[in-house]
Each structure stands twice: as C-alpha cells, then as structure tokens.
Amino acid sequence: MKIFLITLVLILGVSATVFAQTKQKVNNEKETVLFDVSMTCENCQKRIEKNIAFEKGVTDMKVNLENKTVLIEFKKSQTTVAKLQAAIEKLGYTVKVHEPTKK
C-alpha cells in the first residue's frame, strides 16, 4: 500500500510539473508585427520608442525613420496587434500593418 501511494504521489508531481512547463511555454509565445507609421522626424521616432516600448507585452522594438516602419515583438498572451496599433495611433500617428510589396 505504501508503494502504491508513493508511486501515485510521484506520478501526480511529475504531471503537475509537465503541465506547468507547457503552460509557461504557451504564455511566452511571441509574435512580430511590422507597422507603417506616419512619422516624419527624429522626435517622432523617439516619441514612439519611448512610449511603445513600455506597452504591456512588448519584448523588443525597432523604429526605422527612413522606411517609416516600426517592428514590434510581443507576447501574444499579453497584447494584440490591434492594441499595439491603437497605442501608436493614440500618439497622433497614422498606422497600418505593413503589406509587403508584390513584384
């Protein structure tokens, strides 16, 4: 009987550990989005970098003034593309998801 109980406790412990690790991986899934933004100067670039970097879920961001694009890496469990787009629009810029040019 003791062996059965010990085995049962070990199986439950291992199952809980595997479940927790799987859940953590799902919560850490990242996505990347590229926006075209109506920025015109270095101040625009700095303003976007300063404000959007601290949005919930943002893990990395690159603002390219020359191409007028903002590349954002974020955790899917904490934010969405629409929320990030709205955050940039709230700063006063026109924003749309980048569409690759077709040849």
N, C-alpha and C. Protein backbone atom coordinates (compact mmCIF):
# COMPACT_ATOMS: atom_id res chain seq x y z
N MET A 1 0.82 -1.19 0.00
CA MET A 1 0.00 0.00 0.00
C MET A 1 0.87 1.26 0.00
N LYS A 2 1.96 1.27 0.79
CA LYS A 2 2.86 2.42 0.82
C LYS A 2 3.48 2.66 -0.54
N ILE A 3 3.87 1.60 -1.19
CA ILE A 3 4.49 1.73 -2.51
C ILE A 3 3.49 2.33 -3.50
N PHE A 4 2.25 1.89 -3.43
CA PHE A 4 1.21 2.43 -4.30
C PHE A 4 1.02 3.92 -4.07
N LEU A 5 0.96 4.36 -2.83
CA LEU A 5 0.78 5.78 -2.50
C LEU A 5 1.97 6.61 -2.95
N ILE A 6 3.16 6.11 -2.72
CA ILE A 6 4.38 6.83 -3.13
C ILE A 6 4.40 6.96 -4.66
N THR A 7 4.07 5.89 -5.36
CA THR A 7 4.04 5.92 -6.81
C THR A 7 2.99 6.92 -7.31
N LEU A 8 1.83 6.93 -6.69
CA LEU A 8 0.77 7.86 -7.06
C LEU A 8 1.20 9.31 -6.86
N VAL A 9 1.84 9.60 -5.73
CA VAL A 9 2.31 10.96 -5.45
C VAL A 9 3.37 11.38 -6.47
N LEU A 10 4.28 10.48 -6.81
CA LEU A 10 5.31 10.80 -7.80
C LEU A 10 4.71 11.07 -9.17
N ILE A 11 3.74 10.27 -9.58
CA ILE A 11 3.10 10.47 -10.88
C ILE A 11 2.38 11.81 -10.92
N LEU A 12 1.65 12.14 -9.86
CA LEU A 12 0.96 13.42 -9.80
C LEU A 12 1.94 14.59 -9.82
N GLY A 13 3.05 14.45 -9.12
CA GLY A 13 4.07 15.51 -9.09
C GLY A 13 4.68 15.74 -10.46
N VAL A 14 5.00 14.68 -11.15
CA VAL A 14 5.58 14.79 -12.49
C VAL A 14 4.56 15.40 -13.46
N SER A 15 3.31 14.97 -13.36
CA SER A 15 2.26 15.51 -14.24
C SER A 15 2.08 17.01 -14.02
N ALA A 16 2.08 17.44 -12.77
CA ALA A 16 1.93 18.86 -12.46
C ALA A 16 3.10 19.67 -13.01
N THR A 17 4.30 19.14 -12.91
CA THR A 17 5.48 19.83 -13.42
C THR A 17 5.42 19.98 -14.94
N VAL A 18 5.06 18.92 -15.63
CA VAL A 18 4.96 18.96 -17.09
C VAL A 18 3.88 19.94 -17.51
N PHE A 19 2.75 19.93 -16.83
CA PHE A 19 1.66 20.86 -17.15
C PHE A 19 2.10 22.31 -16.96
N ALA A 20 2.80 22.60 -15.87
CA ALA A 20 3.26 23.96 -15.59
C ALA A 20 4.25 24.42 -16.66
N GLN A 21 5.15 23.55 -17.09
CA GLN A 21 6.12 23.92 -18.12
C GLN A 21 5.43 24.17 -19.45
N THR A 22 4.44 23.36 -19.79
CA THR A 22 3.70 23.54 -21.03
C THR A 22 2.94 24.86 -21.00
N LYS A 23 2.30 25.16 -19.89
CA LYS A 23 1.55 26.40 -19.77
C LYS A 23 2.48 27.61 -19.89
N GLN A 24 3.67 27.52 -19.29
CA GLN A 24 4.62 28.62 -19.37
C GLN A 24 5.06 28.85 -20.81
N LYS A 25 5.28 27.79 -21.57
CA LYS A 25 5.68 27.94 -22.97
C LYS A 25 4.59 28.62 -23.77
N VAL A 26 3.35 28.26 -23.52
CA VAL A 26 2.23 28.87 -24.24
C VAL A 26 2.14 30.35 -23.91
N ASN A 27 2.33 30.71 -22.65
CA ASN A 27 2.24 32.11 -22.23
C ASN A 27 3.40 32.95 -22.75
N ASN A 28 4.50 32.32 -23.14
CA ASN A 28 5.67 33.07 -23.60
C ASN A 28 5.78 33.10 -25.12
N GLU A 29 4.77 32.61 -25.83
CA GLU A 29 4.82 32.64 -27.28
C GLU A 29 4.85 34.09 -27.76
N LYS A 30 5.76 34.35 -28.67
CA LYS A 30 5.94 35.72 -29.16
C LYS A 30 5.52 35.81 -30.62
N GLU A 31 5.15 37.00 -30.99
CA GLU A 31 4.75 37.30 -32.37
C GLU A 31 5.43 38.61 -32.76
N THR A 32 5.60 38.80 -34.05
CA THR A 32 6.21 40.03 -34.56
C THR A 32 5.26 40.68 -35.55
N VAL A 33 5.18 42.02 -35.48
CA VAL A 33 4.34 42.76 -36.41
C VAL A 33 5.14 43.96 -36.92
N LEU A 34 4.94 44.31 -38.18
CA LEU A 34 5.59 45.46 -38.78
C LEU A 34 4.52 46.47 -39.17
N PHE A 35 4.63 47.68 -38.63
CA PHE A 35 3.67 48.75 -38.93
C PHE A 35 4.31 49.80 -39.82
N ASP A 36 3.51 50.38 -40.73
CA ASP A 36 3.88 51.59 -41.45
C ASP A 36 3.29 52.74 -40.65
N VAL A 37 4.15 53.70 -40.29
CA VAL A 37 3.73 54.79 -39.39
C VAL A 37 4.05 56.13 -40.04
N SER A 38 3.19 57.11 -39.87
CA SER A 38 3.34 58.43 -40.49
C SER A 38 4.29 59.34 -39.72
N MET A 39 5.43 58.82 -39.31
CA MET A 39 6.40 59.66 -38.59
C MET A 39 7.25 60.43 -39.60
N THR A 40 7.70 61.63 -39.20
CA THR A 40 8.42 62.49 -40.14
C THR A 40 9.79 62.94 -39.67
N CYS A 41 10.09 62.77 -38.37
CA CYS A 41 11.36 63.30 -37.87
C CYS A 41 11.88 62.43 -36.73
N GLU A 42 13.07 62.80 -36.24
CA GLU A 42 13.69 62.06 -35.15
C GLU A 42 12.87 62.17 -33.86
N ASN A 43 12.21 63.29 -33.66
CA ASN A 43 11.37 63.43 -32.47
C ASN A 43 10.21 62.43 -32.51
N CYS A 44 9.65 62.22 -33.68
CA CYS A 44 8.59 61.21 -33.83
C CYS A 44 9.14 59.83 -33.45
N GLN A 45 10.31 59.52 -33.96
CA GLN A 45 10.94 58.24 -33.69
C GLN A 45 11.15 58.06 -32.19
N LYS A 46 11.71 59.06 -31.54
CA LYS A 46 11.97 58.98 -30.10
C LYS A 46 10.68 58.86 -29.30
N ARG A 47 9.65 59.57 -29.73
CA ARG A 47 8.37 59.53 -29.03
C ARG A 47 7.76 58.12 -29.08
N ILE A 48 7.83 57.51 -30.25
CA ILE A 48 7.31 56.15 -30.41
C ILE A 48 8.14 55.17 -29.57
N GLU A 49 9.46 55.27 -29.67
CA GLU A 49 10.33 54.38 -28.90
C GLU A 49 10.07 54.50 -27.40
N LYS A 50 9.94 55.72 -26.94
CA LYS A 50 9.76 55.98 -25.51
C LYS A 50 8.43 55.42 -25.00
N ASN A 51 7.36 55.60 -25.75
CA ASN A 51 6.03 55.22 -25.28
C ASN A 51 5.66 53.77 -25.55
N ILE A 52 5.97 53.27 -26.71
CA ILE A 52 5.51 51.93 -27.09
C ILE A 52 6.36 50.84 -26.44
N ALA A 53 7.61 51.12 -26.16
CA ALA A 53 8.47 50.13 -25.52
C ALA A 53 7.92 49.66 -24.18
N PHE A 54 7.14 50.50 -23.53
CA PHE A 54 6.61 50.16 -22.21
C PHE A 54 5.18 49.63 -22.25
N GLU A 55 4.64 49.42 -23.44
CA GLU A 55 3.32 48.80 -23.55
C GLU A 55 3.41 47.36 -23.04
N LYS A 56 2.36 46.92 -22.40
CA LYS A 56 2.33 45.57 -21.84
C LYS A 56 2.56 44.53 -22.94
N GLY A 57 3.50 43.62 -22.70
CA GLY A 57 3.77 42.52 -23.62
C GLY A 57 4.86 42.77 -24.64
N VAL A 58 5.28 44.03 -24.82
CA VAL A 58 6.32 44.34 -25.81
C VAL A 58 7.67 43.85 -25.28
N THR A 59 8.35 43.02 -26.08
CA THR A 59 9.65 42.48 -25.66
C THR A 59 10.81 43.07 -26.47
N ASP A 60 10.52 43.58 -27.66
CA ASP A 60 11.56 44.20 -28.49
C ASP A 60 10.90 45.11 -29.51
N MET A 61 11.62 46.15 -29.91
CA MET A 61 11.06 47.09 -30.87
C MET A 61 12.18 47.77 -31.65
N LYS A 62 11.96 47.94 -32.95
CA LYS A 62 12.91 48.66 -33.80
C LYS A 62 12.13 49.67 -34.61
N VAL A 63 12.50 50.94 -34.48
CA VAL A 63 11.84 52.01 -35.21
C VAL A 63 12.79 52.49 -36.29
N ASN A 64 12.34 52.44 -37.56
CA ASN A 64 13.16 52.84 -38.69
C ASN A 64 12.53 54.09 -39.31
N LEU A 65 13.16 55.24 -39.04
CA LEU A 65 12.64 56.51 -39.54
C LEU A 65 12.71 56.59 -41.06
N GLU A 66 13.79 56.11 -41.64
CA GLU A 66 13.98 56.18 -43.09
C GLU A 66 12.86 55.45 -43.84
N ASN A 67 12.51 54.25 -43.36
CA ASN A 67 11.44 53.47 -44.00
C ASN A 67 10.06 53.76 -43.41
N LYS A 68 10.03 54.53 -42.34
CA LYS A 68 8.80 54.87 -41.62
C LYS A 68 8.07 53.60 -41.15
N THR A 69 8.86 52.70 -40.53
CA THR A 69 8.28 51.45 -40.04
C THR A 69 8.63 51.24 -38.57
N VAL A 70 7.78 50.49 -37.91
CA VAL A 70 8.01 50.10 -36.52
C VAL A 70 7.81 48.58 -36.45
N LEU A 71 8.87 47.87 -36.06
CA LEU A 71 8.83 46.43 -35.91
C LEU A 71 8.72 46.13 -34.42
N ILE A 72 7.68 45.41 -34.03
CA ILE A 72 7.45 45.13 -32.61
C ILE A 72 7.35 43.63 -32.40
N GLU A 73 8.11 43.14 -31.42
CA GLU A 73 7.98 41.75 -30.97
C GLU A 73 7.24 41.81 -29.64
N PHE A 74 6.22 40.95 -29.50
CA PHE A 74 5.41 41.00 -28.29
C PHE A 74 4.92 39.61 -27.90
N LYS A 75 4.52 39.49 -26.63
CA LYS A 75 3.96 38.24 -26.12
C LYS A 75 2.48 38.21 -26.46
N LYS A 76 2.08 37.17 -27.18
CA LYS A 76 0.69 37.04 -27.62
C LYS A 76 -0.28 36.93 -26.45
N SER A 77 0.18 36.45 -25.33
CA SER A 77 -0.70 36.28 -24.17
C SER A 77 -0.99 37.60 -23.46
N GLN A 78 -0.23 38.66 -23.79
CA GLN A 78 -0.39 39.92 -23.06
C GLN A 78 -0.94 41.07 -23.89
N THR A 79 -0.86 40.98 -25.20
CA THR A 79 -1.36 42.07 -26.05
C THR A 79 -1.69 41.55 -27.43
N THR A 80 -2.23 42.42 -28.27
CA THR A 80 -2.58 42.04 -29.63
C THR A 80 -2.06 43.09 -30.61
N VAL A 81 -2.10 42.76 -31.89
CA VAL A 81 -1.69 43.70 -32.92
C VAL A 81 -2.58 44.94 -32.88
N ALA A 82 -3.87 44.74 -32.69
CA ALA A 82 -4.82 45.85 -32.65
C ALA A 82 -4.52 46.81 -31.48
N LYS A 83 -4.18 46.26 -30.33
CA LYS A 83 -3.87 47.11 -29.17
C LYS A 83 -2.60 47.91 -29.40
N LEU A 84 -1.60 47.28 -30.02
CA LEU A 84 -0.36 47.99 -30.31
C LEU A 84 -0.59 49.08 -31.34
N GLN A 85 -1.38 48.79 -32.35
CA GLN A 85 -1.72 49.78 -33.38
C GLN A 85 -2.45 50.96 -32.74
N ALA A 86 -3.39 50.67 -31.86
CA ALA A 86 -4.13 51.74 -31.18
C ALA A 86 -3.22 52.58 -30.29
N ALA A 87 -2.23 51.97 -29.68
CA ALA A 87 -1.30 52.71 -28.82
C ALA A 87 -0.48 53.71 -29.64
N ILE A 88 -0.07 53.32 -30.84
CA ILE A 88 0.69 54.23 -31.70
C ILE A 88 -0.24 55.33 -32.23
N GLU A 89 -1.45 54.96 -32.61
CA GLU A 89 -2.42 55.95 -33.09
C GLU A 89 -2.74 56.97 -32.01
N LYS A 90 -2.76 56.54 -30.76
CA LYS A 90 -3.04 57.43 -29.63
C LYS A 90 -1.98 58.53 -29.52
N LEU A 91 -0.79 58.26 -30.04
CA LEU A 91 0.29 59.26 -30.03
C LEU A 91 0.11 60.28 -31.16
N GLY A 92 -0.87 60.04 -32.03
CA GLY A 92 -1.16 61.01 -33.09
C GLY A 92 -0.67 60.63 -34.48
N TYR A 93 -0.33 59.38 -34.68
CA TYR A 93 0.19 58.93 -35.97
C TYR A 93 -0.82 58.05 -36.70
N THR A 94 -0.72 58.07 -38.02
CA THR A 94 -1.49 57.14 -38.83
C THR A 94 -0.70 55.84 -38.89
N VAL A 95 -1.37 54.72 -38.63
CA VAL A 95 -0.69 53.43 -38.54
C VAL A 95 -1.46 52.38 -39.32
N LYS A 96 -0.72 51.55 -40.06
CA LYS A 96 -1.34 50.38 -40.69
C LYS A 96 -0.32 49.24 -40.69
N VAL A 97 -0.84 48.05 -40.68
CA VAL A 97 0.04 46.87 -40.74
C VAL A 97 0.71 46.87 -42.11
N HIS A 98 2.02 46.65 -42.11
CA HIS A 98 2.81 46.68 -43.35
C HIS A 98 2.40 45.56 -44.29
N GLU A 99 2.15 45.92 -45.52
CA GLU A 99 1.85 44.95 -46.58
C GLU A 99 3.09 44.85 -47.47
N PRO A 100 3.68 43.67 -47.60
CA PRO A 100 4.88 43.55 -48.46
C PRO A 100 4.54 43.90 -49.90
N THR A 101 5.47 44.54 -50.57
CA THR A 101 5.25 44.90 -51.97
C THR A 101 5.37 43.66 -52.84
N LYS A 102 4.48 43.53 -53.81
CA LYS A 102 4.49 42.37 -54.70
C LYS A 102 5.14 42.77 -56.01
N LYS A 103 5.92 41.83 -56.57
CA LYS A 103 6.62 42.08 -57.83
C LYS A 103 5.85 41.51 -58.98
